[in-house]
Amino acid sequence: STEGLKRILSIAMPDPASARIIRSRVYTHHARLAKA
């Protein structure tokens, strides 16, 4: 959300409101290998 992105980006930059965001999404790490 707009507020959620501002809050978390404030960890890394002083003015998150002016950041020109291309996209945001949540993903999960995987460690998988096909058996063949």
ModelCIF file with pLDDT and N, C-alpha, C, O atoms, coordinates in Angstrom:
data_MODEL
#
_entry.id   MODEL 
#
_entity.id                         1 
_entity.type                       polymer 
_entity.pdbx_number_of_molecules   1 
#
_entity_poly.entity_id                      1 
_entity_poly.type                           'polypeptide(L)' 
_entity_poly.nstd_linkage                   no 
_entity_poly.nstd_monomer                   no 
_entity_poly.pdbx_seq_one_letter_code       STEGLKRILSIAMPDPASARIIRSRVYTHHARLAKA 
_entity_poly.pdbx_seq_one_letter_code_can   STEGLKRILSIAMPDPASARIIRSRVYTHHARLAKA 
_entity_poly.pdbx_strand_id                 A 
#
loop_
_entity_poly_seq.entity_id 
_entity_poly_seq.num 
_entity_poly_seq.mon_id 
_entity_poly_seq.hetero 
1 1  SER n 
1 2  THR n 
1 3  GLU n 
1 4  GLY n 
1 5  LEU n 
1 6  LYS n 
1 7  ARG n 
1 8  ILE n 
1 9  LEU n 
1 10 SER n 
1 11 ILE n 
1 12 ALA n 
1 13 MET n 
1 14 PRO n 
1 15 ASP n 
1 16 PRO n 
1 17 ALA n 
1 18 SER n 
1 19 ALA n 
1 20 ARG n 
1 21 ILE n 
1 22 ILE n 
1 23 ARG n 
1 24 SER n 
1 25 ARG n 
1 26 VAL n 
1 27 TYR n 
1 28 THR n 
1 29 HIS n 
1 30 HIS n 
1 31 ALA n 
1 32 ARG n 
1 33 LEU n 
1 34 ALA n 
1 35 LYS n 
1 36 ALA n 
#
_struct_asym.id          A 
_struct_asym.entity_id   1 
#
loop_
_ma_qa_metric.id 
_ma_qa_metric.mode 
_ma_qa_metric.name 
_ma_qa_metric.software_group_id 
_ma_qa_metric.type 
1 global pLDDT . pLDDT 
2 local  pLDDT . pLDDT 
#
_ma_qa_metric_global.metric_id      1 
_ma_qa_metric_global.metric_value   91.78 
_ma_qa_metric_global.model_id       1 
_ma_qa_metric_global.ordinal_id     1 
#
loop_
_ma_qa_metric_local.label_asym_id 
_ma_qa_metric_local.label_comp_id 
_ma_qa_metric_local.label_seq_id 
_ma_qa_metric_local.metric_id 
_ma_qa_metric_local.metric_value 
_ma_qa_metric_local.model_id 
_ma_qa_metric_local.ordinal_id 
A SER 1  2 94.00 1 1  
A THR 2  2 93.00 1 2  
A GLU 3  2 95.00 1 3  
A GLY 4  2 94.00 1 4  
A LEU 5  2 95.00 1 5  
A LYS 6  2 95.00 1 6  
A ARG 7  2 95.00 1 7  
A ILE 8  2 95.00 1 8  
A LEU 9  2 96.00 1 9  
A SER 10 2 96.00 1 10 
A ILE 11 2 95.00 1 11 
A ALA 12 2 94.00 1 12 
A MET 13 2 94.00 1 13 
A PRO 14 2 94.00 1 14 
A ASP 15 2 95.00 1 15 
A PRO 16 2 94.00 1 16 
A ALA 17 2 93.00 1 17 
A SER 18 2 94.00 1 18 
A ALA 19 2 95.00 1 19 
A ARG 20 2 95.00 1 20 
A ILE 21 2 94.00 1 21 
A ILE 22 2 92.00 1 22 
A ARG 23 2 90.00 1 23 
A SER 24 2 92.00 1 24 
A ARG 25 2 89.00 1 25 
A VAL 26 2 89.00 1 26 
A TYR 27 2 83.00 1 27 
A THR 28 2 80.00 1 28 
A HIS 29 2 76.00 1 29 
A HIS 30 2 80.00 1 30 
A ALA 31 2 82.00 1 31 
A ARG 32 2 88.00 1 32 
A LEU 33 2 92.00 1 33 
A ALA 34 2 95.00 1 34 
A LYS 35 2 95.00 1 35 
A ALA 36 2 96.00 1 36 
#
loop_
_atom_site.group_PDB 
_atom_site.id 
_atom_site.type_symbol 
_atom_site.label_atom_id 
_atom_site.label_alt_id 
_atom_site.label_comp_id 
_atom_site.label_asym_id 
_atom_site.label_entity_id 
_atom_site.label_seq_id 
_atom_site.pdbx_PDB_ins_code 
_atom_site.Cartn_x 
_atom_site.Cartn_y 
_atom_site.Cartn_z 
_atom_site.occupancy 
_atom_site.B_iso_or_equiv 
_atom_site.pdbx_formal_charge 
_atom_site.auth_seq_id 
_atom_site.auth_comp_id 
_atom_site.auth_asym_id 
_atom_site.auth_atom_id 
_atom_site.pdbx_PDB_model_num 
ATOM 1   N N  . SER A 1 1  ? 0.851  -1.191  0.000   1.00 94.00 ? 1  SER A N  1 
ATOM 2   C CA . SER A 1 1  ? 0.000  0.000   0.000   1.00 94.00 ? 1  SER A CA 1 
ATOM 3   C C  . SER A 1 1  ? 0.888  1.242   0.000   1.00 94.00 ? 1  SER A C  1 
ATOM 4   O O  . SER A 1 1  ? 2.081  1.148   0.288   1.00 94.00 ? 1  SER A O  1 
ATOM 5   N N  . THR A 1 2  ? 0.331  2.372   -0.312  1.00 93.00 ? 2  THR A N  1 
ATOM 6   C CA . THR A 1 2  ? 1.102  3.617   -0.349  1.00 93.00 ? 2  THR A CA 1 
ATOM 7   C C  . THR A 1 2  ? 1.790  3.878   0.981   1.00 93.00 ? 2  THR A C  1 
ATOM 8   O O  . THR A 1 2  ? 2.979  4.193   1.016   1.00 93.00 ? 2  THR A O  1 
ATOM 9   N N  . GLU A 1 3  ? 1.049  3.750   2.074   1.00 95.00 ? 3  GLU A N  1 
ATOM 10  C CA . GLU A 1 3  ? 1.634  3.992   3.387   1.00 95.00 ? 3  GLU A CA 1 
ATOM 11  C C  . GLU A 1 3  ? 2.633  2.924   3.768   1.00 95.00 ? 3  GLU A C  1 
ATOM 12  O O  . GLU A 1 3  ? 3.658  3.222   4.381   1.00 95.00 ? 3  GLU A O  1 
ATOM 13  N N  . GLY A 1 4  ? 2.345  1.665   3.408   1.00 94.00 ? 4  GLY A N  1 
ATOM 14  C CA . GLY A 1 4  ? 3.267  0.584   3.723   1.00 94.00 ? 4  GLY A CA 1 
ATOM 15  C C  . GLY A 1 4  ? 4.604  0.760   3.024   1.00 94.00 ? 4  GLY A C  1 
ATOM 16  O O  . GLY A 1 4  ? 5.654  0.535   3.626   1.00 94.00 ? 4  GLY A O  1 
ATOM 17  N N  . LEU A 1 5  ? 4.574  1.160   1.756   1.00 95.00 ? 5  LEU A N  1 
ATOM 18  C CA . LEU A 1 5  ? 5.810  1.376   1.013   1.00 95.00 ? 5  LEU A CA 1 
ATOM 19  C C  . LEU A 1 5  ? 6.598  2.546   1.579   1.00 95.00 ? 5  LEU A C  1 
ATOM 20  O O  . LEU A 1 5  ? 7.823  2.476   1.683   1.00 95.00 ? 5  LEU A O  1 
ATOM 21  N N  . LYS A 1 6  ? 5.907  3.627   1.949   1.00 95.00 ? 6  LYS A N  1 
ATOM 22  C CA . LYS A 1 6  ? 6.598  4.776   2.554   1.00 95.00 ? 6  LYS A CA 1 
ATOM 23  C C  . LYS A 1 6  ? 7.293  4.352   3.841   1.00 95.00 ? 6  LYS A C  1 
ATOM 24  O O  . LYS A 1 6  ? 8.438  4.726   4.095   1.00 95.00 ? 6  LYS A O  1 
ATOM 25  N N  . ARG A 1 7  ? 6.587  3.567   4.646   1.00 95.00 ? 7  ARG A N  1 
ATOM 26  C CA . ARG A 1 7  ? 7.138  3.170   5.943   1.00 95.00 ? 7  ARG A CA 1 
ATOM 27  C C  . ARG A 1 7  ? 8.396  2.314   5.774   1.00 95.00 ? 7  ARG A C  1 
ATOM 28  O O  . ARG A 1 7  ? 9.402  2.537   6.448   1.00 95.00 ? 7  ARG A O  1 
ATOM 29  N N  . ILE A 1 8  ? 8.331  1.339   4.874   1.00 95.00 ? 8  ILE A N  1 
ATOM 30  C CA . ILE A 1 8  ? 9.478  0.429   4.764   1.00 95.00 ? 8  ILE A CA 1 
ATOM 31  C C  . ILE A 1 8  ? 10.637 1.067   3.999   1.00 95.00 ? 8  ILE A C  1 
ATOM 32  O O  . ILE A 1 8  ? 11.799 0.773   4.279   1.00 95.00 ? 8  ILE A O  1 
ATOM 33  N N  . LEU A 1 9  ? 10.326 1.943   3.032   1.00 96.00 ? 9  LEU A N  1 
ATOM 34  C CA . LEU A 1 9  ? 11.401 2.613   2.301   1.00 96.00 ? 9  LEU A CA 1 
ATOM 35  C C  . LEU A 1 9  ? 12.138 3.623   3.169   1.00 96.00 ? 9  LEU A C  1 
ATOM 36  O O  . LEU A 1 9  ? 13.283 3.974   2.883   1.00 96.00 ? 9  LEU A O  1 
ATOM 37  N N  . SER A 1 10 ? 11.486 4.089   4.229   1.00 96.00 ? 10 SER A N  1 
ATOM 38  C CA . SER A 1 10 ? 12.140 5.053   5.118   1.00 96.00 ? 10 SER A CA 1 
ATOM 39  C C  . SER A 1 10 ? 13.352 4.442   5.811   1.00 96.00 ? 10 SER A C  1 
ATOM 40  O O  . SER A 1 10 ? 14.198 5.166   6.335   1.00 96.00 ? 10 SER A O  1 
ATOM 41  N N  . ILE A 1 11 ? 13.441 3.117   5.818   1.00 95.00 ? 11 ILE A N  1 
ATOM 42  C CA . ILE A 1 11 ? 14.610 2.446   6.390   1.00 95.00 ? 11 ILE A CA 1 
ATOM 43  C C  . ILE A 1 11 ? 15.855 2.750   5.563   1.00 95.00 ? 11 ILE A C  1 
ATOM 44  O O  . ILE A 1 11 ? 16.961 2.823   6.100   1.00 95.00 ? 11 ILE A O  1 
ATOM 45  N N  . ALA A 1 12 ? 15.670 2.929   4.244   1.00 94.00 ? 12 ALA A N  1 
ATOM 46  C CA . ALA A 1 12 ? 16.812 3.035   3.338   1.00 94.00 ? 12 ALA A CA 1 
ATOM 47  C C  . ALA A 1 12 ? 17.014 4.411   2.734   1.00 94.00 ? 12 ALA A C  1 
ATOM 48  O O  . ALA A 1 12 ? 18.065 4.671   2.148   1.00 94.00 ? 12 ALA A O  1 
ATOM 49  N N  . MET A 1 13 ? 16.024 5.315   2.861   1.00 94.00 ? 13 MET A N  1 
ATOM 50  C CA . MET A 1 13 ? 16.163 6.626   2.212   1.00 94.00 ? 13 MET A CA 1 
ATOM 51  C C  . MET A 1 13 ? 15.435 7.699   3.017   1.00 94.00 ? 13 MET A C  1 
ATOM 52  O O  . MET A 1 13 ? 14.497 7.387   3.750   1.00 94.00 ? 13 MET A O  1 
ATOM 53  N N  . PRO A 1 14 ? 15.856 8.965   2.891   1.00 94.00 ? 14 PRO A N  1 
ATOM 54  C CA . PRO A 1 14 ? 15.280 10.027  3.715   1.00 94.00 ? 14 PRO A CA 1 
ATOM 55  C C  . PRO A 1 14 ? 13.898 10.503  3.279   1.00 94.00 ? 14 PRO A C  1 
ATOM 56  O O  . PRO A 1 14 ? 13.127 10.981  4.110   1.00 94.00 ? 14 PRO A O  1 
ATOM 57  N N  . ASP A 1 15 ? 13.569 10.382  1.993   1.00 95.00 ? 15 ASP A N  1 
ATOM 58  C CA . ASP A 1 15 ? 12.297 10.921  1.503   1.00 95.00 ? 15 ASP A CA 1 
ATOM 59  C C  . ASP A 1 15 ? 11.574 9.870   0.649   1.00 95.00 ? 15 ASP A C  1 
ATOM 60  O O  . ASP A 1 15 ? 11.533 9.997   -0.574  1.00 95.00 ? 15 ASP A O  1 
ATOM 61  N N  . PRO A 1 16 ? 11.014 8.851   1.271   1.00 94.00 ? 16 PRO A N  1 
ATOM 62  C CA . PRO A 1 16 ? 10.376 7.766   0.511   1.00 94.00 ? 16 PRO A CA 1 
ATOM 63  C C  . PRO A 1 16 ? 9.158  8.212   -0.282  1.00 94.00 ? 16 PRO A C  1 
ATOM 64  O O  . PRO A 1 16 ? 8.805  7.566   -1.268  1.00 94.00 ? 16 PRO A O  1 
ATOM 65  N N  . ALA A 1 17 ? 8.511  9.289   0.116   1.00 93.00 ? 17 ALA A N  1 
ATOM 66  C CA . ALA A 1 17 ? 7.304  9.741   -0.583  1.00 93.00 ? 17 ALA A CA 1 
ATOM 67  C C  . ALA A 1 17 ? 7.597  10.153  -2.017  1.00 93.00 ? 17 ALA A C  1 
ATOM 68  O O  . ALA A 1 17 ? 6.719  10.078  -2.876  1.00 93.00 ? 17 ALA A O  1 
ATOM 69  N N  . SER A 1 18 ? 8.834  10.590  -2.283  1.00 94.00 ? 18 SER A N  1 
ATOM 70  C CA . SER A 1 18 ? 9.165  11.062  -3.634  1.00 94.00 ? 18 SER A CA 1 
ATOM 71  C C  . SER A 1 18 ? 9.731  9.957   -4.521  1.00 94.00 ? 18 SER A C  1 
ATOM 72  O O  . SER A 1 18 ? 10.046 10.198  -5.686  1.00 94.00 ? 18 SER A O  1 
ATOM 73  N N  . ALA A 1 19 ? 9.864  8.743   -3.976  1.00 95.00 ? 19 ALA A N  1 
ATOM 74  C CA . ALA A 1 19 ? 10.422 7.640   -4.765  1.00 95.00 ? 19 ALA A CA 1 
ATOM 75  C C  . ALA A 1 19 ? 9.479  7.278   -5.910  1.00 95.00 ? 19 ALA A C  1 
ATOM 76  O O  . ALA A 1 19 ? 8.271  7.164   -5.705  1.00 95.00 ? 19 ALA A O  1 
ATOM 77  N N  . ARG A 1 20 ? 10.015 7.100   -7.094  1.00 95.00 ? 20 ARG A N  1 
ATOM 78  C CA . ARG A 1 20 ? 9.232  6.771   -8.293  1.00 95.00 ? 20 ARG A CA 1 
ATOM 79  C C  . ARG A 1 20 ? 9.217  5.241   -8.460  1.00 95.00 ? 20 ARG A C  1 
ATOM 80  O O  . ARG A 1 20 ? 10.077 4.667   -9.128  1.00 95.00 ? 20 ARG A O  1 
ATOM 81  N N  . ILE A 1 21 ? 8.243  4.616   -7.853  1.00 94.00 ? 21 ILE A N  1 
ATOM 82  C CA . ILE A 1 21 ? 8.194  3.155   -7.783  1.00 94.00 ? 21 ILE A CA 1 
ATOM 83  C C  . ILE A 1 21 ? 7.706  2.549   -9.101  1.00 94.00 ? 21 ILE A C  1 
ATOM 84  O O  . ILE A 1 21 ? 6.681  2.960   -9.646  1.00 94.00 ? 21 ILE A O  1 
ATOM 85  N N  . ILE A 1 22 ? 8.453  1.570   -9.598  1.00 92.00 ? 22 ILE A N  1 
ATOM 86  C CA . ILE A 1 22 ? 8.059  0.844   -10.808 1.00 92.00 ? 22 ILE A CA 1 
ATOM 87  C C  . ILE A 1 22 ? 7.087  -0.264  -10.446 1.00 92.00 ? 22 ILE A C  1 
ATOM 88  O O  . ILE A 1 22 ? 6.043  -0.421  -11.078 1.00 92.00 ? 22 ILE A O  1 
ATOM 89  N N  . ARG A 1 23 ? 7.439  -1.029  -9.424  1.00 90.00 ? 23 ARG A N  1 
ATOM 90  C CA . ARG A 1 23 ? 6.583  -2.131  -8.994  1.00 90.00 ? 23 ARG A CA 1 
ATOM 91  C C  . ARG A 1 23 ? 7.009  -2.582  -7.613  1.00 90.00 ? 23 ARG A C  1 
ATOM 92  O O  . ARG A 1 23 ? 8.119  -2.297  -7.163  1.00 90.00 ? 23 ARG A O  1 
ATOM 93  N N  . SER A 1 24 ? 6.109  -3.293  -6.944  1.00 92.00 ? 24 SER A N  1 
ATOM 94  C CA . SER A 1 24 ? 6.419  -3.906  -5.653  1.00 92.00 ? 24 SER A CA 1 
ATOM 95  C C  . SER A 1 24 ? 5.631  -5.206  -5.544  1.00 92.00 ? 24 SER A C  1 
ATOM 96  O O  . SER A 1 24 ? 4.492  -5.293  -6.003  1.00 92.00 ? 24 SER A O  1 
ATOM 97  N N  . ARG A 1 25 ? 6.235  -6.193  -4.945  1.00 89.00 ? 25 ARG A N  1 
ATOM 98  C CA . ARG A 1 25 ? 5.551  -7.467  -4.738  1.00 89.00 ? 25 ARG A CA 1 
ATOM 99  C C  . ARG A 1 25 ? 6.300  -8.286  -3.680  1.00 89.00 ? 25 ARG A C  1 
ATOM 100 O O  . ARG A 1 25 ? 7.474  -8.042  -3.400  1.00 89.00 ? 25 ARG A O  1 
ATOM 101 N N  . VAL A 1 26 ? 5.605  -9.244  -3.112  1.00 89.00 ? 26 VAL A N  1 
ATOM 102 C CA . VAL A 1 26 ? 6.195  -10.134 -2.115  1.00 89.00 ? 26 VAL A CA 1 
ATOM 103 C C  . VAL A 1 26 ? 6.453  -11.490 -2.760  1.00 89.00 ? 26 VAL A C  1 
ATOM 104 O O  . VAL A 1 26 ? 5.602  -12.008 -3.483  1.00 89.00 ? 26 VAL A O  1 
ATOM 105 N N  . TYR A 1 27 ? 7.619  -12.063 -2.502  1.00 83.00 ? 27 TYR A N  1 
ATOM 106 C CA . TYR A 1 27 ? 7.904  -13.401 -3.017  1.00 83.00 ? 27 TYR A CA 1 
ATOM 107 C C  . TYR A 1 27 ? 8.550  -14.233 -1.912  1.00 83.00 ? 27 TYR A C  1 
ATOM 108 O O  . TYR A 1 27 ? 9.000  -13.708 -0.894  1.00 83.00 ? 27 TYR A O  1 
ATOM 109 N N  . THR A 1 28 ? 8.582  -15.528 -2.141  1.00 80.00 ? 28 THR A N  1 
ATOM 110 C CA . THR A 1 28 ? 9.126  -16.480 -1.176  1.00 80.00 ? 28 THR A CA 1 
ATOM 111 C C  . THR A 1 28 ? 10.344 -17.182 -1.780  1.00 80.00 ? 28 THR A C  1 
ATOM 112 O O  . THR A 1 28 ? 10.346 -17.535 -2.959  1.00 80.00 ? 28 THR A O  1 
ATOM 113 N N  . HIS A 1 29 ? 11.372 -17.378 -0.965  1.00 76.00 ? 29 HIS A N  1 
ATOM 114 C CA . HIS A 1 29 ? 12.563 -18.083 -1.438  1.00 76.00 ? 29 HIS A CA 1 
ATOM 115 C C  . HIS A 1 29 ? 12.267 -19.573 -1.621  1.00 76.00 ? 29 HIS A C  1 
ATOM 116 O O  . HIS A 1 29 ? 11.567 -20.181 -0.812  1.00 76.00 ? 29 HIS A O  1 
ATOM 117 N N  . HIS A 1 30 ? 12.808 -20.146 -2.690  1.00 80.00 ? 30 HIS A N  1 
ATOM 118 C CA . HIS A 1 30 ? 12.663 -21.574 -2.959  1.00 80.00 ? 30 HIS A CA 1 
ATOM 119 C C  . HIS A 1 30 ? 14.042 -22.194 -3.138  1.00 80.00 ? 30 HIS A C  1 
ATOM 120 O O  . HIS A 1 30 ? 14.966 -21.538 -3.619  1.00 80.00 ? 30 HIS A O  1 
ATOM 121 N N  . ALA A 1 31 ? 14.174 -23.432 -2.757  1.00 82.00 ? 31 ALA A N  1 
ATOM 122 C CA . ALA A 1 31 ? 15.387 -24.212 -3.014  1.00 82.00 ? 31 ALA A CA 1 
ATOM 123 C C  . ALA A 1 31 ? 14.929 -25.582 -3.486  1.00 82.00 ? 31 ALA A C  1 
ATOM 124 O O  . ALA A 1 31 ? 14.709 -26.482 -2.676  1.00 82.00 ? 31 ALA A O  1 
ATOM 125 N N  . ARG A 1 32 ? 14.785 -25.739 -4.791  1.00 88.00 ? 32 ARG A N  1 
ATOM 126 C CA . ARG A 1 32 ? 14.224 -26.975 -5.345  1.00 88.00 ? 32 ARG A CA 1 
ATOM 127 C C  . ARG A 1 32 ? 15.015 -27.432 -6.568  1.00 88.00 ? 32 ARG A C  1 
ATOM 128 O O  . ARG A 1 32 ? 15.578 -26.631 -7.314  1.00 88.00 ? 32 ARG A O  1 
ATOM 129 N N  . LEU A 1 33 ? 15.032 -28.751 -6.742  1.00 92.00 ? 33 LEU A N  1 
ATOM 130 C CA . LEU A 1 33 ? 15.767 -29.354 -7.850  1.00 92.00 ? 33 LEU A CA 1 
ATOM 131 C C  . LEU A 1 33 ? 14.952 -30.503 -8.413  1.00 92.00 ? 33 LEU A C  1 
ATOM 132 O O  . LEU A 1 33 ? 14.531 -31.396 -7.678  1.00 92.00 ? 33 LEU A O  1 
ATOM 133 N N  . ALA A 1 34 ? 14.731 -30.476 -9.732  1.00 95.00 ? 34 ALA A N  1 
ATOM 134 C CA . ALA A 1 34 ? 13.988 -31.569 -10.366 1.00 95.00 ? 34 ALA A CA 1 
ATOM 135 C C  . ALA A 1 34 ? 14.762 -32.877 -10.202 1.00 95.00 ? 34 ALA A C  1 
ATOM 136 O O  . ALA A 1 34 ? 15.988 -32.902 -10.314 1.00 95.00 ? 34 ALA A O  1 
ATOM 137 N N  . LYS A 1 35 ? 14.037 -33.953 -9.938  1.00 95.00 ? 35 LYS A N  1 
ATOM 138 C CA . LYS A 1 35 ? 14.678 -35.252 -9.734  1.00 95.00 ? 35 LYS A CA 1 
ATOM 139 C C  . LYS A 1 35 ? 15.375 -35.729 -10.997 1.00 95.00 ? 35 LYS A C  1 
ATOM 140 O O  . LYS A 1 35 ? 16.342 -36.488 -10.921 1.00 95.00 ? 35 LYS A O  1 
ATOM 141 N N  . ALA A 1 36 ? 14.898 -35.295 -12.155 1.00 96.00 ? 36 ALA A N  1 
ATOM 142 C CA . ALA A 1 36 ? 15.540 -35.609 -13.431 1.00 96.00 ? 36 ALA A CA 1 
ATOM 143 C C  . ALA A 1 36 ? 15.371 -34.404 -14.343 1.00 96.00 ? 36 ALA A C  1 
ATOM 144 O O  . ALA A 1 36 ? 15.831 -34.425 -15.485 1.00 96.00 ? 36 ALA A O  1 
#
